[in-house]
Amino acid sequence: MMPSETDLPGAPTLSAVATLAGVSAITVSRVVRLPEMVAPQTRAKVEAAMRELGYVPNQLAGALAGARTKSVGVLVPTIANSIFADTVQGLSDELEPLGYAVILAQSRYNADREDRMLSALLSRRPEAIIMVGSPATEDGARLLRRSGIPIVETWELPPAPLDAVAGFDNFAAGVAVARHLIAQGRENLAFIGGDDPRATRRWNGFNETALGAGLRSPRRLILERNASGSVAALAKLPEVDAVFAANDAHAIGFMSGLRKAGLLREGPAAEQPVAVVGLGDLEMGRLISPSLSTIRVHGDAIGRTAAKLILSRDGPRRVDLGFELVLRESG
């Protein structure tokens, strides 16, 4: 068998893929190395068998069997939003002094791309995978479960993680913001942001709390990827008096629209015609006027804790690092 096709002990083998797909091992090797030489129908059968078994080809051609790579794969939704930078920095600060290299990949909030990036990371034979969130698909979860290496989910708090998790309760964050706005006397609430799983859990907590308080269901405005909100978002949310944004970038963009519409004032939060609360505690939110109320997430601690979870099996495997509701001038 060629070095590039070597399988790790206990991992699904190339031969197992061949048997399940009903083809020869050589055909599987060609699908891995030279897919254009394989008929589409045959290639589809082999790829389906790979997914079912959780098989990942080894791209480390020539590497010694059992050699340590001293690398850790890290999958984030995007590097365009600095909200995840503290987490990557925290885990890097823990791992790099120990000689580990961090390999970074982006899912761009796309489930299919996430699966491809997980497969690409695993093909480099990292010693662990750290990802923001939980796997978006069962195929991705299967790949990780069968990899045999430590897996840490972050920025989430699933009750039964694949291996370990360091994060916070997104649902509880939505509850906390809704309770604060309702206590202010706000009645026409709205939520703006993406529709990724973490944002959706924030929305669920926000919505259920509003309904439980006897308010009508808040409006939910799903923004395009990397959109900031602002005037366009404001036009779609007439008569709202409070907004919870899924992250600070959305909140700051929405406040820009409020400012242009004359609905943003200097002074205490209670005097704002429309209250705005974000999530992430970005530096820009502290510097703008009025300053942004937000959910502070301990991103650096999440990263450092994730690193420690892959370095040691001792202690709890589910770590809740919590969050803080930071109240400033915007609401």
Protein backbone atom coordinates (compact mmCIF):
# COMPACT_ATOMS: atom_id res chain seq x y z
CA MET A 1 0.00 0.00 0.00
CA MET A 2 1.36 3.47 -0.84
CA PRO A 3 2.30 5.70 2.09
CA SER A 4 -0.38 8.26 1.20
CA GLU A 5 -3.02 5.58 1.67
CA THR A 6 -1.84 4.39 5.08
CA ASP A 7 -4.60 4.19 7.66
CA LEU A 8 -4.32 4.88 11.36
CA PRO A 9 -4.81 1.90 13.71
CA GLY A 10 -8.49 1.50 14.51
CA ALA A 11 -9.62 3.91 11.78
CA PRO A 12 -11.76 2.76 8.84
CA THR A 13 -9.49 1.30 6.15
CA LEU A 14 -9.27 1.72 2.41
CA SER A 15 -10.07 -1.99 2.07
CA ALA A 16 -13.24 -1.57 4.13
CA VAL A 17 -14.35 1.22 1.81
CA ALA A 18 -13.68 -0.99 -1.21
CA THR A 19 -15.73 -3.84 0.26
CA LEU A 20 -18.69 -1.62 1.15
CA ALA A 21 -18.66 0.06 -2.28
CA GLY A 22 -18.25 -3.23 -4.12
CA VAL A 23 -15.11 -2.11 -5.95
CA SER A 24 -11.40 -2.88 -5.81
CA ALA A 25 -8.96 -1.19 -3.47
CA ILE A 26 -7.22 0.25 -6.53
CA THR A 27 -10.46 1.95 -7.56
CA VAL A 28 -10.80 3.51 -4.11
CA SER A 29 -7.20 4.70 -4.34
CA ARG A 30 -7.93 6.32 -7.69
CA VAL A 31 -11.00 8.10 -6.28
CA VAL A 32 -8.76 9.51 -3.55
CA ARG A 33 -5.78 10.40 -5.75
CA LEU A 34 -7.11 10.81 -9.30
CA PRO A 35 -10.91 11.17 -9.13
CA GLU A 36 -11.16 12.40 -12.73
CA MET A 37 -10.08 8.93 -13.89
CA VAL A 38 -13.07 7.21 -12.25
CA ALA A 39 -16.56 7.03 -13.76
CA PRO A 40 -18.97 9.41 -11.94
CA GLN A 41 -21.32 6.60 -10.88
CA THR A 42 -18.47 4.55 -9.42
CA ARG A 43 -16.94 7.60 -7.78
CA ALA A 44 -20.29 8.41 -6.16
CA LYS A 45 -20.51 4.87 -4.70
CA VAL A 46 -17.01 5.11 -3.27
CA GLU A 47 -17.59 8.57 -1.82
CA ALA A 48 -20.85 7.38 -0.22
CA ALA A 49 -18.97 4.45 1.36
CA MET A 50 -16.30 6.84 2.67
CA ARG A 51 -18.95 9.00 4.30
CA GLU A 52 -20.75 6.04 5.82
CA LEU A 53 -17.55 4.61 7.30
CA GLY A 54 -16.03 7.95 8.22
CA TYR A 55 -12.94 7.18 6.15
CA VAL A 56 -10.40 9.97 5.71
CA PRO A 57 -7.43 9.48 3.33
CA ASN A 58 -4.03 10.20 4.83
CA GLN A 59 -2.45 13.11 2.96
CA LEU A 60 0.85 12.85 4.85
CA ALA A 61 2.64 10.91 2.13
CA GLY A 62 5.90 9.43 3.39
CA ALA A 63 5.17 10.04 7.07
CA LEU A 64 6.31 7.33 9.43
CA ALA A 65 3.51 5.17 10.79
CA GLY A 66 2.53 6.39 14.23
CA ALA A 67 4.60 9.57 13.97
CA ARG A 68 3.20 12.54 15.89
CA THR A 69 2.29 15.55 13.78
CA LYS A 70 2.26 18.05 16.70
CA SER A 71 -0.61 19.84 14.96
CA VAL A 72 -4.14 20.74 16.00
CA GLY A 73 -6.93 21.45 13.51
CA VAL A 74 -9.17 24.43 14.29
CA LEU A 75 -12.42 25.03 12.40
CA VAL A 76 -14.12 28.44 12.73
CA PRO A 77 -17.12 29.83 10.85
CA THR A 78 -15.14 32.79 9.49
CA ILE A 79 -12.07 34.91 10.10
CA ALA A 80 -13.90 37.95 8.69
CA ASN A 81 -15.65 38.47 12.04
CA SER A 82 -13.23 39.19 14.88
CA ILE A 83 -15.65 37.71 17.42
CA PHE A 84 -13.76 34.38 17.28
CA ALA A 85 -10.26 35.90 17.34
CA ASP A 86 -9.91 35.73 21.13
CA THR A 87 -10.72 32.02 21.12
CA VAL A 88 -8.10 31.24 18.46
CA GLN A 89 -5.57 33.43 20.28
CA GLY A 90 -6.28 31.76 23.62
CA LEU A 91 -5.81 28.23 22.35
CA SER A 92 -2.71 29.26 20.36
CA ASP A 93 -1.17 30.79 23.47
CA GLU A 94 -1.62 27.46 25.28
CA LEU A 95 -0.51 25.15 22.46
CA GLU A 96 2.30 26.91 20.62
CA PRO A 97 4.72 27.01 23.60
CA LEU A 98 4.36 23.21 23.70
CA GLY A 99 5.44 22.92 20.07
CA TYR A 100 2.02 22.49 18.48
CA ALA A 101 1.11 24.08 15.16
CA VAL A 102 -2.46 25.34 14.69
CA ILE A 103 -4.05 24.58 11.31
CA LEU A 104 -6.98 26.95 10.72
CA ALA A 105 -9.94 26.31 8.39
CA GLN A 106 -13.24 28.15 7.78
CA SER A 107 -16.71 26.66 7.31
CA ARG A 108 -18.22 30.02 6.22
CA TYR A 109 -21.48 28.91 7.88
CA ASN A 110 -22.00 26.28 5.17
CA ALA A 111 -22.70 22.69 6.27
CA ASP A 112 -21.29 21.04 3.14
CA ARG A 113 -18.15 23.15 3.30
CA GLU A 114 -17.81 22.33 7.00
CA ASP A 115 -17.77 18.60 6.19
CA ARG A 116 -15.14 19.17 3.48
CA MET A 117 -12.98 21.22 5.82
CA LEU A 118 -13.24 18.62 8.59
CA SER A 119 -12.16 15.96 6.12
CA ALA A 120 -9.30 18.15 4.91
CA LEU A 121 -8.12 18.81 8.47
CA LEU A 122 -8.34 15.13 9.43
CA SER A 123 -6.40 14.11 6.33
CA ARG A 124 -3.42 16.01 7.81
CA ARG A 125 -3.61 13.69 10.82
CA PRO A 126 -3.83 16.34 13.55
CA GLU A 127 -3.62 15.23 17.14
CA ALA A 128 -6.92 16.97 17.96
CA ILE A 129 -9.72 19.02 16.41
CA ILE A 130 -11.18 22.15 18.02
CA MET A 131 -14.24 23.66 16.35
CA VAL A 132 -16.54 26.60 16.96
CA GLY A 133 -19.95 25.03 17.45
CA SER A 134 -21.02 21.43 16.97
CA PRO A 135 -20.95 19.47 13.71
CA ALA A 136 -23.67 20.69 11.36
CA THR A 137 -24.30 17.24 9.85
CA GLU A 138 -24.28 13.63 10.96
CA ASP A 139 -21.58 12.92 8.36
CA GLY A 140 -19.35 15.48 10.05
CA ALA A 141 -20.11 14.07 13.50
CA ARG A 142 -19.35 10.55 12.25
CA LEU A 143 -15.99 11.67 10.85
CA LEU A 144 -15.04 13.18 14.19
CA ARG A 145 -16.28 10.28 16.31
CA ARG A 146 -14.33 7.77 14.24
CA SER A 147 -11.14 9.81 14.09
CA GLY A 148 -10.01 8.49 17.46
CA ILE A 149 -8.51 11.86 18.46
CA PRO A 150 -9.64 14.43 21.05
CA ILE A 151 -12.48 16.66 19.81
CA VAL A 152 -13.51 19.89 21.52
CA GLU A 153 -16.64 21.84 20.58
CA THR A 154 -16.66 25.50 21.62
CA TRP A 155 -19.09 28.43 21.80
CA GLU A 156 -21.78 25.82 22.50
CA LEU A 157 -22.86 23.76 25.48
CA PRO A 158 -24.51 20.56 24.15
CA PRO A 159 -25.65 18.16 26.88
CA ALA A 160 -23.78 15.27 25.24
CA PRO A 161 -20.68 16.54 23.39
CA LEU A 162 -18.81 14.26 20.99
CA ASP A 163 -15.86 14.31 23.38
CA ALA A 164 -15.47 17.60 25.24
CA VAL A 165 -16.93 21.11 25.12
CA ALA A 166 -15.90 24.54 26.41
CA GLY A 167 -18.50 27.22 25.91
CA PHE A 168 -21.64 28.89 27.17
CA ASP A 169 -25.40 28.51 26.95
CA ASN A 170 -26.63 30.45 23.90
CA PHE A 171 -30.28 29.88 24.86
CA ALA A 172 -29.64 31.36 28.31
CA ALA A 173 -28.00 34.40 26.68
CA GLY A 174 -31.23 35.07 24.77
CA VAL A 175 -33.23 34.67 27.98
CA ALA A 176 -31.01 37.16 29.82
CA VAL A 177 -31.36 39.84 27.13
CA ALA A 178 -35.14 39.43 26.88
CA ARG A 179 -35.58 39.68 30.66
CA HIS A 180 -33.49 42.85 30.75
CA LEU A 181 -35.44 44.54 27.94
CA ILE A 182 -38.80 43.53 29.40
CA ALA A 183 -37.74 44.92 32.80
CA GLN A 184 -37.07 48.23 31.00
CA GLY A 185 -40.69 48.23 29.86
CA ARG A 186 -39.90 47.41 26.23
CA GLU A 187 -42.78 45.65 24.50
CA ASN A 188 -42.05 45.48 20.75
CA LEU A 189 -38.95 43.34 20.53
CA ALA A 190 -36.93 42.17 17.54
CA PHE A 191 -33.96 39.89 16.87
CA ILE A 192 -31.49 40.40 14.01
CA GLY A 193 -28.69 38.15 12.85
CA GLY A 194 -27.88 34.96 11.01
CA ASP A 195 -29.64 31.61 11.10
CA ASP A 196 -26.69 29.46 12.17
CA PRO A 197 -27.35 27.07 15.08
CA ARG A 198 -25.82 29.29 17.77
CA ALA A 199 -27.74 32.40 16.68
CA THR A 200 -30.91 30.30 16.47
CA ARG A 201 -30.51 29.14 20.07
CA ARG A 202 -30.12 32.78 21.16
CA TRP A 203 -33.29 33.59 19.26
CA ASN A 204 -35.16 30.68 20.87
CA GLY A 205 -34.29 31.86 24.38
CA PHE A 206 -35.19 35.44 23.48
CA ASN A 207 -38.49 34.49 21.84
CA GLU A 208 -39.67 32.04 24.50
CA THR A 209 -38.97 34.53 27.28
CA ALA A 210 -40.93 37.28 25.50
CA LEU A 211 -43.88 34.95 24.96
CA GLY A 212 -43.72 33.79 28.58
CA ALA A 213 -44.00 37.43 29.68
CA GLY A 214 -47.18 37.87 27.69
CA LEU A 215 -45.64 39.79 24.79
CA ARG A 216 -46.19 38.94 21.16
CA SER A 217 -43.45 36.99 19.44
CA PRO A 218 -40.51 39.27 18.57
CA ARG A 219 -39.80 39.96 14.93
CA ARG A 220 -36.87 37.97 13.59
CA LEU A 221 -34.83 39.44 10.75
CA ILE A 222 -32.31 37.05 9.20
CA LEU A 223 -29.45 38.97 7.60
CA GLU A 224 -27.28 37.86 4.72
CA ARG A 225 -23.82 36.58 5.62
CA ASN A 226 -21.47 39.43 6.60
CA ALA A 227 -24.34 41.95 6.39
CA SER A 228 -24.31 44.57 9.11
CA GLY A 229 -27.96 45.63 9.18
CA SER A 230 -28.30 49.43 9.33
CA VAL A 231 -30.88 51.34 7.30
CA ALA A 232 -32.19 48.37 5.35
CA ALA A 233 -32.78 46.38 8.54
CA LEU A 234 -34.42 49.32 10.25
CA ALA A 235 -36.90 49.73 7.40
CA LYS A 236 -38.06 46.14 7.93
CA LEU A 237 -38.61 46.60 11.67
CA PRO A 238 -41.08 49.46 12.07
CA GLU A 239 -42.30 50.34 15.55
CA VAL A 240 -39.83 48.13 17.43
CA ASP A 241 -38.54 49.56 20.68
CA ALA A 242 -35.80 47.02 21.44
CA VAL A 243 -33.45 44.85 19.37
CA PHE A 244 -31.21 41.94 20.32
CA ALA A 245 -28.52 41.43 17.68
CA ALA A 246 -26.90 38.01 17.36
CA ASN A 247 -23.48 39.66 17.52
CA ASP A 248 -21.95 43.08 18.07
CA ALA A 249 -21.22 43.63 14.37
CA HIS A 250 -24.94 43.38 13.57
CA ALA A 251 -25.76 45.60 16.54
CA ILE A 252 -23.32 48.32 15.51
CA GLY A 253 -24.63 48.27 11.94
CA PHE A 254 -28.19 48.57 13.18
CA MET A 255 -27.25 51.49 15.42
CA SER A 256 -25.85 53.24 12.35
CA GLY A 257 -29.31 53.00 10.80
CA LEU A 258 -30.92 54.32 13.99
CA ARG A 259 -28.52 57.25 14.02
CA LYS A 260 -29.40 58.19 10.42
CA ALA A 261 -33.09 57.95 11.28
CA GLY A 262 -32.70 60.21 14.34
CA LEU A 263 -33.57 57.38 16.71
CA LEU A 264 -30.31 57.26 18.60
CA ARG A 265 -29.59 59.66 21.44
CA GLU A 266 -26.80 60.54 23.81
CA GLY A 267 -27.70 59.77 27.39
CA PRO A 268 -28.93 56.91 29.57
CA ALA A 269 -30.29 53.68 28.14
CA ALA A 270 -33.80 54.29 29.43
CA GLU A 271 -34.10 57.34 27.17
CA GLN A 272 -33.22 55.51 23.95
CA PRO A 273 -36.23 55.28 21.60
CA VAL A 274 -34.90 51.88 20.50
CA ALA A 275 -32.73 49.84 22.85
CA VAL A 276 -29.98 47.72 21.26
CA VAL A 277 -28.06 44.82 22.81
CA GLY A 278 -25.35 42.84 20.99
CA LEU A 279 -23.15 39.86 21.78
CA GLY A 280 -19.38 39.58 21.82
CA ASP A 281 -18.19 42.76 23.56
CA LEU A 282 -16.10 43.97 20.62
CA GLU A 283 -13.84 46.94 21.31
CA MET A 284 -15.72 49.04 18.74
CA GLY A 285 -18.91 48.64 20.76
CA ARG A 286 -17.21 50.15 23.79
CA LEU A 287 -15.87 53.11 21.80
CA ILE A 288 -18.95 54.21 19.84
CA SER A 289 -21.46 56.67 21.23
CA PRO A 290 -23.79 55.67 22.69
CA SER A 291 -21.75 52.71 23.91
CA LEU A 292 -23.18 49.27 23.14
CA SER A 293 -24.82 47.03 25.72
CA THR A 294 -23.79 43.47 25.04
CA ILE A 295 -23.35 39.88 26.16
CA ARG A 296 -19.68 39.45 27.06
CA VAL A 297 -18.36 36.04 26.06
CA HIS A 298 -15.08 34.87 27.54
CA GLY A 299 -13.49 33.99 24.20
CA ASP A 300 -9.90 33.79 25.44
CA ALA A 301 -10.91 31.49 28.31
CA ILE A 302 -12.86 29.31 25.88
CA GLY A 303 -9.75 28.88 23.74
CA ARG A 304 -7.44 28.19 26.66
CA THR A 305 -9.88 25.70 28.17
CA ALA A 306 -10.30 23.93 24.83
CA ALA A 307 -6.53 23.55 24.58
CA LYS A 308 -6.34 22.09 28.09
CA LEU A 309 -9.13 19.64 27.28
CA ILE A 310 -7.13 18.15 24.42
CA LEU A 311 -3.94 18.01 26.46
CA SER A 312 -5.42 16.15 29.42
CA ARG A 313 -8.26 13.67 29.92
CA ASP A 314 -8.51 14.54 33.63
CA GLY A 315 -11.40 16.59 34.98
CA PRO A 316 -14.83 17.42 33.54
CA ARG A 317 -15.31 17.21 29.78
CA ARG A 318 -18.14 19.76 29.70
CA VAL A 319 -17.05 23.20 30.88
CA ASP A 320 -19.52 26.09 31.11
CA LEU A 321 -17.57 29.35 31.03
CA GLY A 322 -20.73 31.45 31.22
CA PHE A 323 -21.33 34.97 29.96
CA GLU A 324 -22.03 38.44 31.34
CA LEU A 325 -24.74 40.95 30.42
CA VAL A 326 -22.84 44.24 30.20
CA LEU A 327 -25.16 47.25 30.31
CA ARG A 328 -24.08 50.50 28.70
CA GLU A 329 -25.84 53.42 27.02
CA SER A 330 -27.54 51.70 24.05
CA GLY A 331 -30.13 49.77 26.01
